[in-house]
Amino acid sequence: MIKTYKLELGRVVETSEASAPILLVVEPTPEERAQLISQYQIDEHNMASALDPNELPRVELDGNHLVAIFKHPKNYSVNDNFVFRTNSVAMFLFKDKLILVAPPEFPSFEGRAFAKVPNLQTLFLRVLSLCVSHFVSHLQIINDIANELEAKLMTAMENRSLMLMFTIEKSLVYYVNAISANGRVIERLKTNAKNSETVGLTPDMVEAVDDLAIENAQCHEQAEVYANVFTGLMDARASVVSNNLNVLMKRLTVINVVFMPLNVLAGIGGMSEFSMMTGGHVSWPVAYSFFLLGLCIIGTATYFVLRAMEKRSFGG
């Protein structure tokens, strides 16, 4: 599908004009791909790379246009099961035309990011800035999810939450790699802009490229911090789950030890020996009432003896 847009009063508006300066290409058919390749002399390999979600970010001059392939975070859904993926966004910048090849979830030209766009070169940089901003927002989402999982891990005795943390850690590694690769693309744009070699990017726009580089560097540092925290605390989180299970086993052991002598006495009391010993002297309701009271006293005493032994062992 190919949508056409134009710049009108500093905003990007959709149009039906065949000669529109902005083309948004989403999941193109083979016929549309062939049309773009033949009409605008786009290299077939670059077009295939633009549609490959695993393509590495890069920027190059190809004849009369600039080719830039950037990484963009894929929108998260419940079916992804805490796996955060990335997609490729490609732009072909000519002097009078911008062709944007994007995944279906890529947002349209709306919002604050696309206000006051004077020319195609500015729109080119705004799209790159939008990709960086989306990485920042996804990192915040990952941090919020991690906080929720950590709260569950404090009482968890199974590995589900821990495995989800491993999945998020793996996603962060891919994010760090993608953001770092995007940074190299921006550095290449800065070099080309300063050398006046990039199509349409004049030295007057170096400041905007510098701001984009700073924003991406901050995003990269944030992703690295999250990744390092996840990696450094993963062993501790696994120990928390193991410790929770040990605490449960200790409690079950205490219960078992408390009831062990009671089971022996209850077994004796349930047989005829107790009735024989008390028969003729005490009525059975009174006898068994005292018997139950004795069991409670013995169980309580055993529990406090175990607690005292536990405190003494920790104190020693």
C-alpha atoms as a PDB file:
ATOM      1  CA  MET A   1       0.000   0.000   0.000  1.00  0.00           C
ATOM      2  CA  ILE A   2       1.289   3.438  -0.945  1.00  0.00           C
ATOM      3  CA  LYS A   3      -0.094   6.630   0.605  1.00  0.00           C
ATOM      4  CA  THR A   4       0.770  10.081  -0.686  1.00  0.00           C
ATOM      5  CA  TYR A   5       1.306  13.183   1.428  1.00  0.00           C
ATOM      6  CA  LYS A   6       2.342  16.787   0.967  1.00  0.00           C
ATOM      7  CA  LEU A   7       3.553  19.668   3.142  1.00  0.00           C
ATOM      8  CA  GLU A   8       0.919  22.310   3.779  1.00  0.00           C
ATOM      9  CA  LEU A   9       1.431  25.186   6.230  1.00  0.00           C
ATOM     10  CA  GLY A  10       4.131  23.269   8.038  1.00  0.00           C
ATOM     11  CA  ARG A  11       2.064  20.108   8.459  1.00  0.00           C
ATOM     12  CA  VAL A  12       2.051  16.759   6.666  1.00  0.00           C
ATOM     13  CA  VAL A  13      -1.356  16.182   5.106  1.00  0.00           C
ATOM     14  CA  GLU A  14      -2.620  13.287   3.018  1.00  0.00           C
ATOM     15  CA  THR A  15      -3.328  13.993  -0.643  1.00  0.00           C
ATOM     16  CA  SER A  16      -4.378  12.164  -3.785  1.00  0.00           C
ATOM     17  CA  GLU A  17      -1.956  14.003  -6.050  1.00  0.00           C
ATOM     18  CA  ALA A  18       0.157  11.641  -8.117  1.00  0.00           C
ATOM     19  CA  SER A  19       3.166  13.973  -7.880  1.00  0.00           C
ATOM     20  CA  ALA A  20       3.020  14.259  -4.074  1.00  0.00           C
ATOM     21  CA  PRO A  21       6.477  14.801  -2.529  1.00  0.00           C
ATOM     22  CA  ILE A  22       5.991  12.267   0.282  1.00  0.00           C
ATOM     23  CA  LEU A  23       5.260   8.571  -0.175  1.00  0.00           C
ATOM     24  CA  LEU A  24       4.469   6.248   2.744  1.00  0.00           C
ATOM     25  CA  VAL A  25       4.964   2.630   1.683  1.00  0.00           C
ATOM     26  CA  VAL A  26       3.528  -0.103   3.936  1.00  0.00           C
ATOM     27  CA  GLU A  27       3.679  -3.788   2.955  1.00  0.00           C
ATOM     28  CA  PRO A  28       3.955  -3.069  -0.775  1.00  0.00           C
ATOM     29  CA  THR A  29       2.799  -5.600  -3.318  1.00  0.00           C
ATOM     30  CA  PRO A  30       5.320  -6.953  -5.860  1.00  0.00           C
ATOM     31  CA  GLU A  31       3.827  -4.590  -8.462  1.00  0.00           C
ATOM     32  CA  GLU A  32       4.270  -1.576  -6.176  1.00  0.00           C
ATOM     33  CA  ARG A  33       7.851  -2.569  -5.397  1.00  0.00           C
ATOM     34  CA  ALA A  34       8.634  -2.889  -9.074  1.00  0.00           C
ATOM     35  CA  GLN A  35       7.038   0.512  -9.707  1.00  0.00           C
ATOM     36  CA  LEU A  36       9.133   2.221  -7.041  1.00  0.00           C
ATOM     37  CA  ILE A  37      12.332   0.582  -8.252  1.00  0.00           C
ATOM     38  CA  SER A  38      11.795   1.530 -11.900  1.00  0.00           C
ATOM     39  CA  GLN A  39      10.317   4.994 -11.388  1.00  0.00           C
ATOM     40  CA  TYR A  40      12.804   6.302  -8.822  1.00  0.00           C
ATOM     41  CA  GLN A  41      15.860   4.162  -9.704  1.00  0.00           C
ATOM     42  CA  ILE A  42      15.947   2.611  -6.243  1.00  0.00           C
ATOM     43  CA  ASP A  43      18.372  -0.269  -5.902  1.00  0.00           C
ATOM     44  CA  GLU A  44      16.516  -3.570  -5.630  1.00  0.00           C
ATOM     45  CA  HIS A  45      18.757  -4.687  -2.765  1.00  0.00           C
ATOM     46  CA  ASN A  46      17.997  -1.503  -0.817  1.00  0.00           C
ATOM     47  CA  MET A  47      14.277  -2.012  -1.339  1.00  0.00           C
ATOM     48  CA  ALA A  48      14.542  -5.592  -0.071  1.00  0.00           C
ATOM     49  CA  SER A  49      16.586  -4.382   2.912  1.00  0.00           C
ATOM     50  CA  ALA A  50      13.914  -1.800   3.723  1.00  0.00           C
ATOM     51  CA  LEU A  51      11.362  -4.615   4.121  1.00  0.00           C
ATOM     52  CA  ASP A  52      13.665  -6.875   6.178  1.00  0.00           C
ATOM     53  CA  PRO A  53      13.073  -6.490   9.960  1.00  0.00           C
ATOM     54  CA  ASN A  54      16.526  -7.979  10.637  1.00  0.00           C
ATOM     55  CA  GLU A  55      18.420  -5.553   8.388  1.00  0.00           C
ATOM     56  CA  LEU A  56      21.217  -3.659  10.131  1.00  0.00           C
ATOM     57  CA  PRO A  57      20.886   0.161  10.230  1.00  0.00           C
ATOM     58  CA  ARG A  58      22.990   1.971   7.646  1.00  0.00           C
ATOM     59  CA  VAL A  59      23.132   5.119   5.550  1.00  0.00           C
ATOM     60  CA  GLU A  60      24.577   5.544   2.064  1.00  0.00           C
ATOM     61  CA  LEU A  61      24.438   7.725  -1.013  1.00  0.00           C
ATOM     62  CA  ASP A  62      22.980   5.910  -4.008  1.00  0.00           C
ATOM     63  CA  GLY A  63      23.094   8.029  -7.128  1.00  0.00           C
ATOM     64  CA  ASN A  64      20.739  10.966  -6.724  1.00  0.00           C
ATOM     65  CA  HIS A  65      19.265  10.031  -3.344  1.00  0.00           C
ATOM     66  CA  LEU A  66      20.170   9.204   0.228  1.00  0.00           C
ATOM     67  CA  VAL A  67      19.306   5.787   1.675  1.00  0.00           C
ATOM     68  CA  ALA A  68      18.859   5.505   5.446  1.00  0.00           C
ATOM     69  CA  ILE A  69      17.744   2.328   7.229  1.00  0.00           C
ATOM     70  CA  PHE A  70      16.887   2.800  10.885  1.00  0.00           C
ATOM     71  CA  LYS A  71      15.666   0.558  13.691  1.00  0.00           C
ATOM     72  CA  HIS A  72      12.227   1.132  15.222  1.00  0.00           C
ATOM     73  CA  PRO A  73      10.687  -0.757  18.193  1.00  0.00           C
ATOM     74  CA  LYS A  74       7.799  -2.989  17.222  1.00  0.00           C
ATOM     75  CA  ASN A  75       4.526  -2.345  18.996  1.00  0.00           C
ATOM     76  CA  TYR A  76       4.113  -4.754  21.892  1.00  0.00           C
ATOM     77  CA  SER A  77       1.106  -7.084  22.124  1.00  0.00           C
ATOM     78  CA  VAL A  78       0.004  -9.680  24.675  1.00  0.00           C
ATOM     79  CA  ASN A  79       0.824 -12.481  22.244  1.00  0.00           C
ATOM     80  CA  ASP A  80       4.500 -11.446  22.296  1.00  0.00           C
ATOM     81  CA  ASN A  81       4.779 -12.806  25.864  1.00  0.00           C
ATOM     82  CA  PHE A  82       7.201 -10.102  27.085  1.00  0.00           C
ATOM     83  CA  VAL A  83       9.397 -10.318  23.965  1.00  0.00           C
ATOM     84  CA  PHE A  84      10.167  -6.836  22.627  1.00  0.00           C
ATOM     85  CA  ARG A  85      11.173  -6.865  18.959  1.00  0.00           C
ATOM     86  CA  THR A  86      12.410  -4.302  16.457  1.00  0.00           C
ATOM     87  CA  ASN A  87      11.522  -3.465  12.868  1.00  0.00           C
ATOM     88  CA  SER A  88      13.328  -1.628  10.092  1.00  0.00           C
ATOM     89  CA  VAL A  89      12.309   1.778   8.794  1.00  0.00           C
ATOM     90  CA  ALA A  90      13.862   2.912   5.524  1.00  0.00           C
ATOM     91  CA  MET A  91      13.872   6.346   3.916  1.00  0.00           C
ATOM     92  CA  PHE A  92      14.907   7.327   0.423  1.00  0.00           C
ATOM     93  CA  LEU A  93      15.545  11.070   0.396  1.00  0.00           C
ATOM     94  CA  PHE A  94      15.631  12.899  -2.935  1.00  0.00           C
ATOM     95  CA  LYS A  95      15.920  16.645  -3.422  1.00  0.00           C
ATOM     96  CA  ASP A  96      12.182  16.958  -4.016  1.00  0.00           C
ATOM     97  CA  LYS A  97      10.759  13.676  -2.702  1.00  0.00           C
ATOM     98  CA  LEU A  98      10.858  11.481   0.396  1.00  0.00           C
ATOM     99  CA  ILE A  99       9.898   7.796   0.232  1.00  0.00           C
ATOM    100  CA  LEU A 100       9.320   6.186   3.612  1.00  0.00           C
ATOM    101  CA  VAL A 101       9.105   2.383   3.791  1.00  0.00           C
ATOM    102  CA  ALA A 102       7.703   1.443   7.196  1.00  0.00           C
ATOM    103  CA  PRO A 103       6.041  -1.490   9.011  1.00  0.00           C
ATOM    104  CA  PRO A 104       2.244  -1.462   9.441  1.00  0.00           C
ATOM    105  CA  GLU A 105       2.391  -0.278  13.057  1.00  0.00           C
ATOM    106  CA  PHE A 106       4.440   2.809  12.187  1.00  0.00           C
ATOM    107  CA  PRO A 107       2.436   5.901  13.246  1.00  0.00           C
ATOM    108  CA  SER A 108       1.094   8.312  10.664  1.00  0.00           C
ATOM    109  CA  PHE A 109       2.386  11.864  10.344  1.00  0.00           C
ATOM    110  CA  GLU A 110       0.447  13.246  13.288  1.00  0.00           C
ATOM    111  CA  GLY A 111       1.173  14.714  16.660  1.00  0.00           C
ATOM    112  CA  ARG A 112       3.685  17.150  18.005  1.00  0.00           C
ATOM    113  CA  ALA A 113       6.638  15.476  16.300  1.00  0.00           C
ATOM    114  CA  PHE A 114       5.323  16.455  12.870  1.00  0.00           C
ATOM    115  CA  ALA A 115       4.271  20.023  13.621  1.00  0.00           C
ATOM    116  CA  LYS A 116       6.043  22.892  11.874  1.00  0.00           C
ATOM    117  CA  VAL A 117       7.781  20.841   9.182  1.00  0.00           C
ATOM    118  CA  PRO A 118       9.183  23.317   6.638  1.00  0.00           C
ATOM    119  CA  ASN A 119      10.793  20.861   4.195  1.00  0.00           C
ATOM    120  CA  LEU A 120      11.478  17.215   3.398  1.00  0.00           C
ATOM    121  CA  GLN A 121      14.878  17.269   5.071  1.00  0.00           C
ATOM    122  CA  THR A 122      13.310  18.290   8.385  1.00  0.00           C
ATOM    123  CA  LEU A 123      10.682  15.586   7.998  1.00  0.00           C
ATOM    124  CA  PHE A 124      13.494  13.090   7.381  1.00  0.00           C
ATOM    125  CA  LEU A 125      15.099  14.051  10.708  1.00  0.00           C
ATOM    126  CA  ARG A 126      11.734  14.078  12.517  1.00  0.00           C
ATOM    127  CA  VAL A 127      11.120  10.460  11.510  1.00  0.00           C
ATOM    128  CA  LEU A 128      14.517   9.481  12.902  1.00  0.00           C
ATOM    129  CA  SER A 129      13.767  11.382  16.103  1.00  0.00           C
ATOM    130  CA  LEU A 130      10.415   9.604  16.387  1.00  0.00           C
ATOM    131  CA  CYS A 131      12.174   6.218  16.241  1.00  0.00           C
ATOM    132  CA  VAL A 132      14.480   7.267  19.072  1.00  0.00           C
ATOM    133  CA  SER A 133      11.542   8.558  21.133  1.00  0.00           C
ATOM    134  CA  HIS A 134       9.728   5.261  20.716  1.00  0.00           C
ATOM    135  CA  PHE A 135      12.748   3.395  22.042  1.00  0.00           C
ATOM    136  CA  VAL A 136      12.744   5.670  25.105  1.00  0.00           C
ATOM    137  CA  SER A 137       9.043   5.031  25.768  1.00  0.00           C
ATOM    138  CA  HIS A 138       9.490   1.270  25.321  1.00  0.00           C
ATOM    139  CA  LEU A 139      12.359   1.284  27.807  1.00  0.00           C
ATOM    140  CA  GLN A 140      10.069   2.919  30.357  1.00  0.00           C
ATOM    141  CA  ILE A 141       7.440   0.246  29.696  1.00  0.00           C
ATOM    142  CA  ILE A 142      10.061  -2.465  30.172  1.00  0.00           C
ATOM    143  CA  ASN A 143      11.106  -0.886  33.468  1.00  0.00           C
ATOM    144  CA  ASP A 144       7.482  -0.787  34.695  1.00  0.00           C
ATOM    145  CA  ILE A 145       6.940  -4.437  33.739  1.00  0.00           C
ATOM    146  CA  ALA A 146      10.174  -5.409  35.484  1.00  0.00           C
ATOM    147  CA  ASN A 147       9.040  -3.672  38.683  1.00  0.00           C
ATOM    148  CA  GLU A 148       5.776  -5.622  38.645  1.00  0.00           C
ATOM    149  CA  LEU A 149       7.605  -8.901  38.081  1.00  0.00           C
ATOM    150  CA  GLU A 150      10.046  -8.130  40.902  1.00  0.00           C
ATOM    151  CA  ALA A 151       7.122  -7.628  43.284  1.00  0.00           C
ATOM    152  CA  LYS A 152       5.771 -11.053  42.275  1.00  0.00           C
ATOM    153  CA  LEU A 153       9.210 -12.630  42.631  1.00  0.00           C
ATOM    154  CA  MET A 154       9.363 -11.625  46.306  1.00  0.00           C
ATOM    155  CA  THR A 155       6.720 -14.252  47.074  1.00  0.00           C
ATOM    156  CA  ALA A 156       7.091 -16.589  44.082  1.00  0.00           C
ATOM    157  CA  MET A 157       8.091 -20.209  44.473  1.00  0.00           C
ATOM    158  CA  GLU A 158       7.934 -21.141  40.791  1.00  0.00           C
ATOM    159  CA  ASN A 159      10.000 -20.135  37.774  1.00  0.00           C
ATOM    160  CA  ARG A 160       7.396 -18.404  35.572  1.00  0.00           C
ATOM    161  CA  SER A 161       8.149 -14.840  36.702  1.00  0.00           C
ATOM    162  CA  LEU A 162      11.869 -15.573  36.606  1.00  0.00           C
ATOM    163  CA  MET A 163      11.657 -16.863  33.027  1.00  0.00           C
ATOM    164  CA  LEU A 164       9.773 -13.716  32.008  1.00  0.00           C
ATOM    165  CA  MET A 165      12.606 -11.657  33.476  1.00  0.00           C
ATOM    166  CA  PHE A 166      15.075 -13.651  31.372  1.00  0.00           C
ATOM    167  CA  THR A 167      12.943 -12.886  28.289  1.00  0.00           C
ATOM    168  CA  ILE A 168      12.962  -9.157  29.033  1.00  0.00           C
ATOM    169  CA  GLU A 169      16.724  -9.263  29.594  1.00  0.00           C
ATOM    170  CA  LYS A 170      17.151 -10.856  26.161  1.00  0.00           C
ATOM    171  CA  SER A 171      14.960  -8.164  24.587  1.00  0.00           C
ATOM    172  CA  LEU A 172      17.065  -5.451  26.222  1.00  0.00           C
ATOM    173  CA  VAL A 173      20.211  -6.878  24.641  1.00  0.00           C
ATOM    174  CA  TYR A 174      18.594  -6.550  21.200  1.00  0.00           C
ATOM    175  CA  TYR A 175      17.434  -3.025  22.046  1.00  0.00           C
ATOM    176  CA  VAL A 176      20.934  -1.970  23.085  1.00  0.00           C
ATOM    177  CA  ASN A 177      22.328  -3.327  19.827  1.00  0.00           C
ATOM    178  CA  ALA A 178      19.634  -1.611  17.721  1.00  0.00           C
ATOM    179  CA  ILE A 179      20.030   1.762  19.464  1.00  0.00           C
ATOM    180  CA  SER A 180      23.817   1.562  19.123  1.00  0.00           C
ATOM    181  CA  ALA A 181      23.480   0.836  15.390  1.00  0.00           C
ATOM    182  CA  ASN A 182      21.092   3.785  15.039  1.00  0.00           C
ATOM    183  CA  GLY A 183      23.732   5.958  16.679  1.00  0.00           C
ATOM    184  CA  ARG A 184      26.260   5.000  14.013  1.00  0.00           C
ATOM    185  CA  VAL A 185      23.780   6.028  11.321  1.00  0.00           C
ATOM    186  CA  ILE A 186      23.324   9.429  12.987  1.00  0.00           C
ATOM    187  CA  GLU A 187      27.098   9.908  13.271  1.00  0.00           C
ATOM    188  CA  ARG A 188      27.423   9.169   9.560  1.00  0.00           C
ATOM    189  CA  LEU A 189      24.711  11.736   8.829  1.00  0.00           C
ATOM    190  CA  LYS A 190      26.609  14.316  10.905  1.00  0.00           C
ATOM    191  CA  THR A 191      29.786  13.668   8.959  1.00  0.00           C
ATOM    192  CA  ASN A 192      28.048  13.897   5.596  1.00  0.00           C
ATOM    193  CA  ALA A 193      26.162  17.039   6.569  1.00  0.00           C
ATOM    194  CA  LYS A 194      29.368  18.792   7.666  1.00  0.00           C
ATOM    195  CA  ASN A 195      31.068  17.767   4.437  1.00  0.00           C
ATOM    196  CA  SER A 196      28.048  18.903   2.378  1.00  0.00           C
ATOM    197  CA  GLU A 197      27.869  15.497   0.722  1.00  0.00           C
ATOM    198  CA  THR A 198      24.441  14.373   1.833  1.00  0.00           C
ATOM    199  CA  VAL A 199      21.582  15.040  -0.541  1.00  0.00           C
ATOM    200  CA  GLY A 200      19.441  17.823   0.894  1.00  0.00           C
ATOM    201  CA  LEU A 201      21.121  17.957   4.336  1.00  0.00           C
ATOM    202  CA  THR A 202      22.923  21.276   4.418  1.00  0.00           C
ATOM    203  CA  PRO A 203      25.392  22.410   7.086  1.00  0.00           C
ATOM    204  CA  ASP A 204      22.598  24.584   8.527  1.00  0.00           C
ATOM    205  CA  MET A 205      20.921  21.382   9.741  1.00  0.00           C
ATOM    206  CA  VAL A 206      23.982  20.073  11.611  1.00  0.00           C
ATOM    207  CA  GLU A 207      22.580  21.382  14.908  1.00  0.00           C
ATOM    208  CA  ALA A 208      19.401  19.323  14.467  1.00  0.00           C
ATOM    209  CA  VAL A 209      21.496  16.242  13.725  1.00  0.00           C
ATOM    210  CA  ASP A 210      23.614  16.953  16.827  1.00  0.00           C
ATOM    211  CA  ASP A 211      20.479  17.106  18.977  1.00  0.00           C
ATOM    212  CA  LEU A 212      19.338  13.799  17.490  1.00  0.00           C
ATOM    213  CA  ALA A 213      22.729  12.244  18.276  1.00  0.00           C
ATOM    214  CA  ILE A 214      22.526  13.425  21.894  1.00  0.00           C
ATOM    215  CA  GLU A 215      18.980  12.069  22.251  1.00  0.00           C
ATOM    216  CA  ASN A 216      20.009   8.687  20.853  1.00  0.00           C
ATOM    217  CA  ALA A 217      23.118   8.575  23.074  1.00  0.00           C
ATOM    218  CA  GLN A 218      20.966   9.183  26.158  1.00  0.00           C
ATOM    219  CA  CYS A 219      18.572   6.454  25.029  1.00  0.00           C
ATOM    220  CA  HIS A 220      21.517   4.084  24.532  1.00  0.00           C
ATOM    221  CA  GLU A 221      22.880   4.832  28.017  1.00  0.00           C
ATOM    222  CA  GLN A 222      19.459   4.217  29.555  1.00  0.00           C
ATOM    223  CA  ALA A 223      19.124   0.890  27.728  1.00  0.00           C
ATOM    224  CA  GLU A 224      22.604  -0.152  28.868  1.00  0.00           C
ATOM    225  CA  VAL A 225      21.803   0.731  32.486  1.00  0.00           C
ATOM    226  CA  TYR A 226      18.636  -1.370  32.391  1.00  0.00           C
ATOM    227  CA  ALA A 227      20.466  -4.251  30.727  1.00  0.00           C
ATOM    228  CA  ASN A 228      23.291  -4.153  33.288  1.00  0.00           C
ATOM    229  CA  VAL A 229      20.839  -4.015  36.200  1.00  0.00           C
ATOM    230  CA  PHE A 230      18.920  -6.978  34.814  1.00  0.00           C
ATOM    231  CA  THR A 231      22.098  -8.993  34.287  1.00  0.00           C
ATOM    232  CA  GLY A 232      23.598  -8.114  37.663  1.00  0.00           C
ATOM    233  CA  LEU A 233      20.469  -8.899  39.664  1.00  0.00           C
ATOM    234  CA  MET A 234      19.353 -12.012  37.801  1.00  0.00           C
ATOM    235  CA  ASP A 235      21.293 -14.350  40.118  1.00  0.00           C
ATOM    236  CA  ALA A 236      19.854 -12.533  43.123  1.00  0.00           C
ATOM    237  CA  ARG A 237      16.317 -12.918  41.759  1.00  0.00           C
ATOM    238  CA  ALA A 238      16.885 -16.630  41.219  1.00  0.00           C
ATOM    239  CA  SER A 239      18.131 -16.871  44.813  1.00  0.00           C
ATOM    240  CA  VAL A 240      14.968 -15.145  46.046  1.00  0.00           C
ATOM    241  CA  VAL A 241      12.784 -17.785  44.367  1.00  0.00           C
ATOM    242  CA  SER A 242      14.955 -20.560  45.809  1.00  0.00           C
ATOM    243  CA  ASN A 243      14.885 -18.964  49.257  1.00  0.00           C
ATOM    244  CA  ASN A 244      11.080 -18.678  49.147  1.00  0.00           C
ATOM    245  CA  LEU A 245      10.892 -22.399  48.453  1.00  0.00           C
ATOM    246  CA  ASN A 246      13.316 -23.138  51.285  1.00  0.00           C
ATOM    247  CA  VAL A 247      11.237 -21.070  53.700  1.00  0.00           C
ATOM    248  CA  LEU A 248       8.123 -23.013  52.710  1.00  0.00           C
ATOM    249  CA  MET A 249       9.919 -26.330  53.226  1.00  0.00           C
ATOM    250  CA  LYS A 250      11.144 -25.151  56.628  1.00  0.00           C
ATOM    251  CA  ARG A 251       7.618 -24.268  57.696  1.00  0.00           C
ATOM    252  CA  LEU A 252       6.323 -27.626  56.524  1.00  0.00           C
ATOM    253  CA  THR A 253       9.137 -29.337  58.431  1.00  0.00           C
ATOM    254  CA  VAL A 254       8.258 -27.443  61.616  1.00  0.00           C
ATOM    255  CA  ILE A 255       4.610 -28.488  61.260  1.00  0.00           C
ATOM    256  CA  ASN A 256       5.691 -32.096  60.700  1.00  0.00           C
ATOM    257  CA  VAL A 257       7.955 -32.093  63.762  1.00  0.00           C
ATOM    258  CA  VAL A 258       5.249 -30.525  65.945  1.00  0.00           C
ATOM    259  CA  PHE A 259       2.648 -33.099  64.969  1.00  0.00           C
ATOM    260  CA  MET A 260       4.971 -36.104  65.053  1.00  0.00           C
ATOM    261  CA  PRO A 261       4.735 -36.775  68.843  1.00  0.00           C
ATOM    262  CA  LEU A 262       1.053 -35.835  68.746  1.00  0.00           C
ATOM    263  CA  ASN A 263       0.403 -38.505  66.139  1.00  0.00           C
ATOM    264  CA  VAL A 264       2.017 -41.111  68.404  1.00  0.00           C
ATOM    265  CA  LEU A 265      -0.022 -40.065  71.421  1.00  0.00           C
ATOM    266  CA  ALA A 266      -3.199 -39.771  69.367  1.00  0.00           C
ATOM    267  CA  GLY A 267      -2.616 -43.264  68.041  1.00  0.00           C
ATOM    268  CA  ILE A 268      -2.346 -44.588  71.581  1.00  0.00           C
ATOM    269  CA  GLY A 269      -5.333 -42.588  72.742  1.00  0.00           C
ATOM    270  CA  GLY A 270      -7.437 -43.892  69.908  1.00  0.00           C
ATOM    271  CA  MET A 271      -6.913 -47.466  70.962  1.00  0.00           C
ATOM    272  CA  SER A 272      -8.430 -49.340  73.863  1.00  0.00           C
ATOM    273  CA  GLU A 273      -5.414 -48.818  76.148  1.00  0.00           C
ATOM    274  CA  PHE A 274      -6.421 -45.270  77.089  1.00  0.00           C
ATOM    275  CA  SER A 275     -10.017 -46.287  77.756  1.00  0.00           C
ATOM    276  CA  MET A 276      -8.742 -49.209  79.845  1.00  0.00           C
ATOM    277  CA  MET A 277      -6.445 -46.962  81.896  1.00  0.00           C
ATOM    278  CA  THR A 278      -9.162 -44.431  82.635  1.00  0.00           C
ATOM    279  CA  GLY A 279     -12.113 -46.774  82.783  1.00  0.00           C
ATOM    280  CA  GLY A 280     -13.806 -46.982  86.162  1.00  0.00           C
ATOM    281  CA  HIS A 281     -12.007 -43.916  87.461  1.00  0.00           C
ATOM    282  CA  VAL A 282     -12.846 -41.020  85.077  1.00  0.00           C
ATOM    283  CA  SER A 283     -15.704 -40.716  82.620  1.00  0.00           C
ATOM    284  CA  TRP A 284     -14.612 -40.810  79.002  1.00  0.00           C
ATOM    285  CA  PRO A 285     -15.763 -37.251  78.100  1.00  0.00           C
ATOM    286  CA  VAL A 286     -13.597 -35.802  80.854  1.00  0.00           C
ATOM    287  CA  ALA A 287     -10.716 -38.160  80.126  1.00  0.00           C
ATOM    288  CA  TYR A 288     -10.575 -37.354  76.428  1.00  0.00           C
ATOM    289  CA  SER A 289     -10.985 -33.620  77.078  1.00  0.00           C
ATOM    290  CA  PHE A 290      -7.863 -33.667  79.274  1.00  0.00           C
ATOM    291  CA  PHE A 291      -6.172 -35.852  76.675  1.00  0.00           C
ATOM    292  CA  LEU A 292      -6.792 -33.248  73.940  1.00  0.00           C
ATOM    293  CA  LEU A 293      -5.653 -30.465  76.247  1.00  0.00           C
ATOM    294  CA  GLY A 294      -2.434 -32.392  76.887  1.00  0.00           C
ATOM    295  CA  LEU A 295      -1.870 -32.752  73.131  1.00  0.00           C
ATOM    296  CA  CYS A 296      -2.261 -28.985  72.671  1.00  0.00           C
ATOM    297  CA  ILE A 297       0.212 -28.278  75.479  1.00  0.00           C
ATOM    298  CA  ILE A 298       2.765 -30.722  74.074  1.00  0.00           C
ATOM    299  CA  GLY A 299       2.387 -29.319  70.523  1.00  0.00           C
ATOM    300  CA  THR A 300       2.754 -25.718  71.745  1.00  0.00           C
ATOM    301  CA  ALA A 301       5.793 -26.593  73.829  1.00  0.00           C
ATOM    302  CA  THR A 302       7.405 -28.406  70.895  1.00  0.00           C
ATOM    303  CA  TYR A 303       6.827 -25.371  68.655  1.00  0.00           C
ATOM    304  CA  PHE A 304       8.443 -22.942  71.104  1.00  0.00           C
ATOM    305  CA  VAL A 305      11.377 -25.323  71.625  1.00  0.00           C
ATOM    306  CA  LEU A 306      11.964 -25.338  67.843  1.00  0.00           C
ATOM    307  CA  ARG A 307      11.738 -21.533  67.727  1.00  0.00           C
ATOM    308  CA  ALA A 308      14.262 -21.247  70.541  1.00  0.00           C
ATOM    309  CA  MET A 309      16.623 -23.642  68.755  1.00  0.00           C
ATOM    310  CA  GLU A 310      16.291 -21.626  65.553  1.00  0.00           C
ATOM    311  CA  LYS A 311      17.077 -18.322  67.282  1.00  0.00           C
ATOM    312  CA  ARG A 312      20.043 -19.898  69.078  1.00  0.00           C
ATOM    313  CA  SER A 313      21.443 -21.255  65.804  1.00  0.00           C
ATOM    314  CA  PHE A 314      21.160 -17.835  64.116  1.00  0.00           C
ATOM    315  CA  GLY A 315      22.562 -16.113  67.154  1.00  0.00           C
ATOM    316  CA  GLY A 316      25.542 -18.454  67.230  1.00  0.00           C
END
